[in-house]
Amino acid sequence: MRETLLQVEHLKKVYESSTGNVEAIGDISFSMSAGELVCIVGPSGCGKTTLLKCIAGLLRSTGGTVELDGKRVTGPPPNMALVFQEYGRSLYPWLTVRGNVELPLKHKKLSRVERDQLIDDALEAVGLEQAAKSYPWQLSGGMQQRVAIARAVAYQPEVLIMDEPFAAVDAQTRADLEDLVRRLHLERGMSILFVTHDIDESVYLGERVIVLSKSPTWVQEDLTIDLAPERDQITTRALPRFTELRTHVYEQVQRAKRGQAVRPAA
């Protein structure tokens, strides 16, 4: 049995304003084991990004706790990396691909040789070893997102958080990047918390899919994805079980939109 890496307990978030308070997150609790790939879905505006910011220590919650590796999160943890949807804003255009991947490693006490090894390994992992000397503006959107992922891989975090990272790329590039994430998870045992609005993507990628209710948000369902670890875009998506799972998740999201889900008594 894998040990618990991330623990979210009764997380709440209320935004205060002069016109009144807005309860974005009502009460969210879930856990994630080391080496697990968990996807989060929910209706638009349910607070998925707010949840990730609280988990990452970028936003202070109103109540509840987040623990990473047994330690309470009160600010950005050094053993966590994030990949966002707007990859272009996270890359420095005046730095090469290699320079962008190296950037967070400069804050670690590493020798030049150790740093180079981590960078080379990360670029190879995402298939960008030939683009190391290129600049982000010379690359396609999909390749730029690979740079952002390589930077996270080189950093060697205990948990990688991804916030709708493939929403801005075309369908074929998205499929390639999904397979990249699956490969990093399987071959490197990476712990990944992946937020997406794409239901098919959540079922294809995840070992579990957490369905959130509409705001004020709570966990409507925590579904185990019982597909084989080895997946591919054609065979896996053609499986009757894949269709059953994605239909079930779709129905849950639709119920969440309509506010039909009933929260169980505490």
Protein backbone atom coordinates (compact mmCIF):
# COMPACT_ATOMS: atom_id res chain seq x y z
CA MET A 1 0.00 0.00 0.00
CA ARG A 2 1.43 3.37 -1.03
CA GLU A 3 1.95 6.01 1.63
CA THR A 4 -0.08 9.21 1.65
CA LEU A 5 1.80 12.08 0.03
CA LEU A 6 -0.84 14.83 -0.12
CA GLN A 7 -3.66 15.29 2.37
CA VAL A 8 -6.38 17.92 1.95
CA GLU A 9 -8.72 18.20 4.94
CA HIS A 10 -11.90 20.33 5.00
CA LEU A 11 -10.37 23.02 2.80
CA LYS A 12 -12.46 26.18 2.53
CA LYS A 13 -11.95 29.41 0.64
CA VAL A 14 -14.06 32.56 0.96
CA TYR A 15 -13.26 35.68 -1.07
CA GLU A 16 -14.11 38.85 0.79
CA SER A 17 -15.18 42.01 -1.01
CA SER A 18 -17.03 45.25 -0.35
CA THR A 19 -20.13 43.84 -2.06
CA GLY A 20 -20.20 40.67 0.02
CA ASN A 21 -18.35 37.44 0.58
CA VAL A 22 -18.13 34.74 -2.09
CA GLU A 23 -17.71 31.16 -0.91
CA ALA A 24 -15.58 29.61 -3.67
CA ILE A 25 -14.72 26.35 -1.91
CA GLY A 26 -17.18 24.96 0.59
CA ASP A 27 -15.45 21.93 2.08
CA ILE A 28 -12.99 19.75 0.15
CA SER A 29 -11.23 16.69 1.53
CA PHE A 30 -9.19 14.08 -0.36
CA SER A 31 -5.81 12.38 -0.23
CA MET A 32 -3.24 11.36 -2.82
CA SER A 33 -0.65 8.60 -2.49
CA ALA A 34 2.98 8.77 -3.53
CA GLY A 35 3.40 7.76 -7.17
CA GLU A 36 -0.28 8.31 -7.99
CA LEU A 37 -1.80 10.22 -10.92
CA VAL A 38 -5.05 11.88 -9.84
CA CYS A 39 -7.25 13.98 -12.14
CA ILE A 40 -9.71 16.62 -10.98
CA VAL A 41 -12.75 17.64 -13.03
CA GLY A 42 -15.83 19.72 -12.35
CA PRO A 43 -18.15 22.30 -13.88
CA SER A 44 -16.73 25.64 -15.02
CA GLY A 45 -16.34 28.07 -12.14
CA CYS A 46 -16.30 25.38 -9.46
CA GLY A 47 -12.95 26.52 -8.09
CA LYS A 48 -10.49 24.04 -9.58
CA THR A 49 -7.74 26.63 -10.00
CA THR A 50 -8.48 28.13 -6.58
CA LEU A 51 -8.08 24.65 -5.10
CA LEU A 52 -4.71 24.15 -6.80
CA LYS A 53 -3.45 27.55 -5.65
CA CYS A 54 -4.36 26.68 -2.06
CA ILE A 55 -2.64 23.29 -2.35
CA ALA A 56 0.44 24.94 -3.84
CA GLY A 57 0.61 27.54 -1.07
CA LEU A 58 0.01 30.40 -3.50
CA LEU A 59 -3.32 31.30 -1.93
CA ARG A 60 -4.22 31.22 1.74
CA SER A 61 -7.28 29.12 2.52
CA THR A 62 -10.03 30.35 4.82
CA GLY A 63 -10.19 27.06 6.68
CA GLY A 64 -8.94 23.50 6.67
CA THR A 65 -5.44 22.18 6.06
CA VAL A 66 -3.16 20.95 3.30
CA GLU A 67 -0.28 18.63 4.19
CA LEU A 68 2.46 17.51 1.84
CA ASP A 69 4.61 14.63 3.03
CA GLY A 70 3.26 15.12 6.55
CA LYS A 71 4.12 18.84 6.69
CA ARG A 72 1.50 21.57 6.67
CA VAL A 73 1.58 23.79 3.58
CA THR A 74 1.72 27.48 4.54
CA GLY A 75 3.61 28.72 1.48
CA PRO A 76 4.96 27.29 -1.79
CA PRO A 77 6.63 23.95 -0.83
CA PRO A 78 10.16 23.42 -2.16
CA ASN A 79 9.27 19.84 -3.15
CA MET A 80 6.41 20.81 -5.48
CA ALA A 81 6.41 21.95 -9.11
CA LEU A 82 3.60 23.50 -11.15
CA VAL A 83 2.77 23.53 -14.84
CA PHE A 84 0.05 25.95 -15.94
CA GLN A 85 -2.10 26.34 -19.05
CA GLU A 86 -0.42 29.60 -20.11
CA TYR A 87 2.99 28.06 -20.73
CA GLY A 88 4.14 31.09 -22.76
CA ARG A 89 4.02 33.30 -19.66
CA SER A 90 6.08 30.86 -17.61
CA LEU A 91 8.97 30.72 -20.11
CA TYR A 92 11.57 33.46 -20.44
CA PRO A 93 11.88 34.40 -24.15
CA TRP A 94 15.47 35.65 -23.76
CA LEU A 95 16.63 32.28 -22.39
CA THR A 96 17.21 29.20 -24.49
CA VAL A 97 15.28 26.00 -23.86
CA ARG A 98 18.20 24.78 -21.80
CA GLY A 99 18.34 28.04 -19.87
CA ASN A 100 14.63 27.85 -19.05
CA VAL A 101 14.94 24.28 -17.79
CA GLU A 102 17.98 25.19 -15.71
CA LEU A 103 16.40 28.22 -14.02
CA PRO A 104 14.85 26.58 -10.90
CA LEU A 105 17.94 24.40 -10.41
CA LYS A 106 20.01 27.49 -9.66
CA HIS A 107 18.29 27.63 -6.26
CA LYS A 108 19.51 24.12 -5.41
CA LYS A 109 22.94 23.30 -4.07
CA LEU A 110 24.13 21.33 -7.09
CA SER A 111 27.44 21.12 -8.90
CA ARG A 112 27.62 22.16 -12.54
CA VAL A 113 27.93 18.50 -13.55
CA GLU A 114 24.85 17.50 -11.51
CA ARG A 115 22.85 20.34 -13.00
CA ASP A 116 23.84 19.42 -16.55
CA GLN A 117 22.88 15.80 -15.95
CA LEU A 118 19.43 16.77 -14.68
CA ILE A 119 18.85 19.13 -17.62
CA ASP A 120 20.00 16.55 -20.19
CA ASP A 121 17.81 13.88 -18.62
CA ALA A 122 14.74 16.14 -18.52
CA LEU A 123 15.14 17.29 -22.14
CA GLU A 124 15.50 13.69 -23.27
CA ALA A 125 12.43 12.69 -21.23
CA VAL A 126 10.23 15.16 -23.14
CA GLY A 127 11.91 14.68 -26.53
CA LEU A 128 13.58 18.09 -26.75
CA GLU A 129 17.26 17.18 -26.67
CA GLN A 130 17.69 18.57 -30.22
CA ALA A 131 16.04 21.88 -29.29
CA ALA A 132 18.22 22.76 -26.29
CA LYS A 133 19.76 25.82 -27.97
CA SER A 134 16.50 27.14 -29.41
CA TYR A 135 14.46 29.96 -27.86
CA PRO A 136 10.82 29.53 -26.81
CA TRP A 137 9.56 31.89 -29.50
CA GLN A 138 11.09 29.60 -32.12
CA LEU A 139 9.00 26.64 -30.95
CA SER A 140 5.40 25.55 -31.45
CA GLY A 141 2.92 25.75 -28.57
CA GLY A 142 3.22 22.04 -27.91
CA MET A 143 7.01 22.21 -27.77
CA GLN A 144 6.85 25.21 -25.43
CA GLN A 145 4.67 23.21 -23.07
CA ARG A 146 7.22 20.39 -23.24
CA VAL A 147 9.84 22.90 -22.07
CA ALA A 148 7.64 23.77 -19.09
CA ILE A 149 7.23 20.06 -18.30
CA ALA A 150 10.98 19.45 -18.71
CA ARG A 151 11.69 22.22 -16.22
CA ALA A 152 9.41 20.50 -13.71
CA VAL A 153 11.01 17.10 -14.37
CA ALA A 154 14.54 18.48 -13.87
CA TYR A 155 13.50 20.01 -10.57
CA GLN A 156 12.58 16.50 -9.32
CA PRO A 157 9.55 17.45 -7.23
CA GLU A 158 7.73 15.05 -4.94
CA VAL A 159 4.49 16.10 -6.57
CA LEU A 160 3.80 17.77 -9.92
CA ILE A 161 0.66 19.90 -10.17
CA MET A 162 -0.73 20.58 -13.64
CA ASP A 163 -3.55 23.09 -14.18
CA GLU A 164 -5.29 22.43 -17.52
CA PRO A 165 -1.86 22.33 -19.20
CA PHE A 166 -3.06 21.18 -22.64
CA ALA A 167 -6.14 23.38 -23.08
CA ALA A 168 -4.42 25.73 -25.51
CA VAL A 169 -2.95 23.19 -27.96
CA ASP A 170 -4.48 21.36 -30.92
CA ALA A 171 -5.97 17.86 -30.64
CA GLN A 172 -2.99 15.93 -32.03
CA THR A 173 -0.50 17.81 -29.86
CA ARG A 174 -2.76 17.27 -26.88
CA ALA A 175 -2.78 13.51 -27.47
CA ASP A 176 1.03 13.47 -27.68
CA LEU A 177 1.36 15.46 -24.45
CA GLU A 178 -1.13 13.19 -22.67
CA ASP A 179 1.01 10.19 -23.61
CA LEU A 180 4.08 12.06 -22.37
CA VAL A 181 2.46 12.57 -18.96
CA ARG A 182 1.44 8.90 -18.79
CA ARG A 183 5.02 7.89 -19.65
CA LEU A 184 6.56 10.16 -17.01
CA HIS A 185 4.14 8.77 -14.45
CA LEU A 186 4.81 5.11 -15.28
CA GLU A 187 8.54 5.19 -16.00
CA ARG A 188 9.55 7.66 -13.30
CA GLY A 189 6.86 7.05 -10.71
CA MET A 190 5.96 10.73 -10.71
CA SER A 191 3.14 11.84 -8.40
CA ILE A 192 0.88 14.05 -10.50
CA LEU A 193 -2.24 16.06 -9.61
CA PHE A 194 -3.83 17.01 -12.93
CA VAL A 195 -6.75 19.43 -13.33
CA THR A 196 -8.65 19.36 -16.61
CA HIS A 197 -12.04 20.36 -18.04
CA ASP A 198 -11.78 17.51 -20.56
CA ILE A 199 -13.62 14.45 -19.24
CA ASP A 200 -12.10 12.01 -21.76
CA GLU A 201 -8.64 13.27 -20.84
CA SER A 202 -9.26 12.72 -17.13
CA VAL A 203 -10.28 9.09 -17.71
CA TYR A 204 -7.41 8.42 -20.13
CA LEU A 205 -4.76 9.87 -17.80
CA GLY A 206 -5.89 9.17 -14.27
CA GLU A 207 -5.73 6.34 -11.81
CA ARG A 208 -8.49 8.22 -10.03
CA VAL A 209 -10.86 10.99 -11.09
CA ILE A 210 -12.13 13.39 -8.44
CA VAL A 211 -15.38 15.08 -9.50
CA LEU A 212 -16.08 18.42 -7.84
CA SER A 213 -19.53 19.90 -7.27
CA LYS A 214 -20.45 23.39 -8.39
CA SER A 215 -19.42 26.25 -6.09
CA PRO A 216 -19.32 26.29 -3.08
CA THR A 217 -17.34 23.19 -3.87
CA TRP A 218 -17.10 19.78 -2.30
CA VAL A 219 -15.95 16.36 -3.57
CA GLN A 220 -18.95 14.87 -5.32
CA GLU A 221 -17.23 11.61 -6.26
CA ASP A 222 -13.80 9.99 -6.03
CA LEU A 223 -13.77 7.40 -8.82
CA THR A 224 -11.14 4.68 -9.33
CA ILE A 225 -10.18 4.27 -13.01
CA ASP A 226 -9.75 0.52 -13.45
CA LEU A 227 -8.03 0.62 -16.85
CA ALA A 228 -4.69 -1.07 -17.47
CA PRO A 229 -1.61 1.07 -16.68
CA GLU A 230 -0.36 0.76 -20.26
CA ARG A 231 -2.66 2.92 -22.40
CA ASP A 232 -2.69 4.27 -25.94
CA GLN A 233 -4.88 6.75 -27.73
CA ILE A 234 -6.51 4.25 -30.10
CA THR A 235 -6.90 0.98 -28.21
CA THR A 236 -7.71 2.41 -24.79
CA ARG A 237 -10.28 4.91 -26.01
CA ALA A 238 -12.01 2.15 -28.02
CA LEU A 239 -12.54 -0.03 -24.93
CA PRO A 240 -16.14 -0.46 -23.72
CA ARG A 241 -14.89 0.16 -20.17
CA PHE A 242 -13.38 3.51 -21.22
CA THR A 243 -16.75 4.51 -22.66
CA GLU A 244 -18.52 3.44 -19.45
CA LEU A 245 -16.14 5.43 -17.27
CA ARG A 246 -16.20 8.62 -19.34
CA THR A 247 -20.02 8.43 -19.56
CA HIS A 248 -20.23 8.06 -15.79
CA VAL A 249 -17.92 11.04 -15.18
CA TYR A 250 -19.82 13.11 -17.76
CA GLU A 251 -23.11 12.35 -16.00
CA GLN A 252 -21.60 13.35 -12.66
CA VAL A 253 -20.35 16.67 -14.05
CA GLN A 254 -23.77 17.36 -15.57
CA ARG A 255 -25.43 16.62 -12.21
CA ALA A 256 -22.95 19.01 -10.59
CA LYS A 257 -23.85 21.75 -13.09
CA ARG A 258 -27.54 21.33 -12.32
CA GLY A 259 -26.91 21.19 -8.58
CA GLN A 260 -28.59 17.80 -8.38
CA ALA A 261 -25.87 16.03 -6.40
CA VAL A 262 -26.66 15.62 -2.72
CA ARG A 263 -23.79 16.01 -0.34
CA PRO A 264 -23.58 13.12 2.16
CA ALA A 265 -24.10 13.98 5.81
CA ALA A 266 -20.87 14.62 7.73
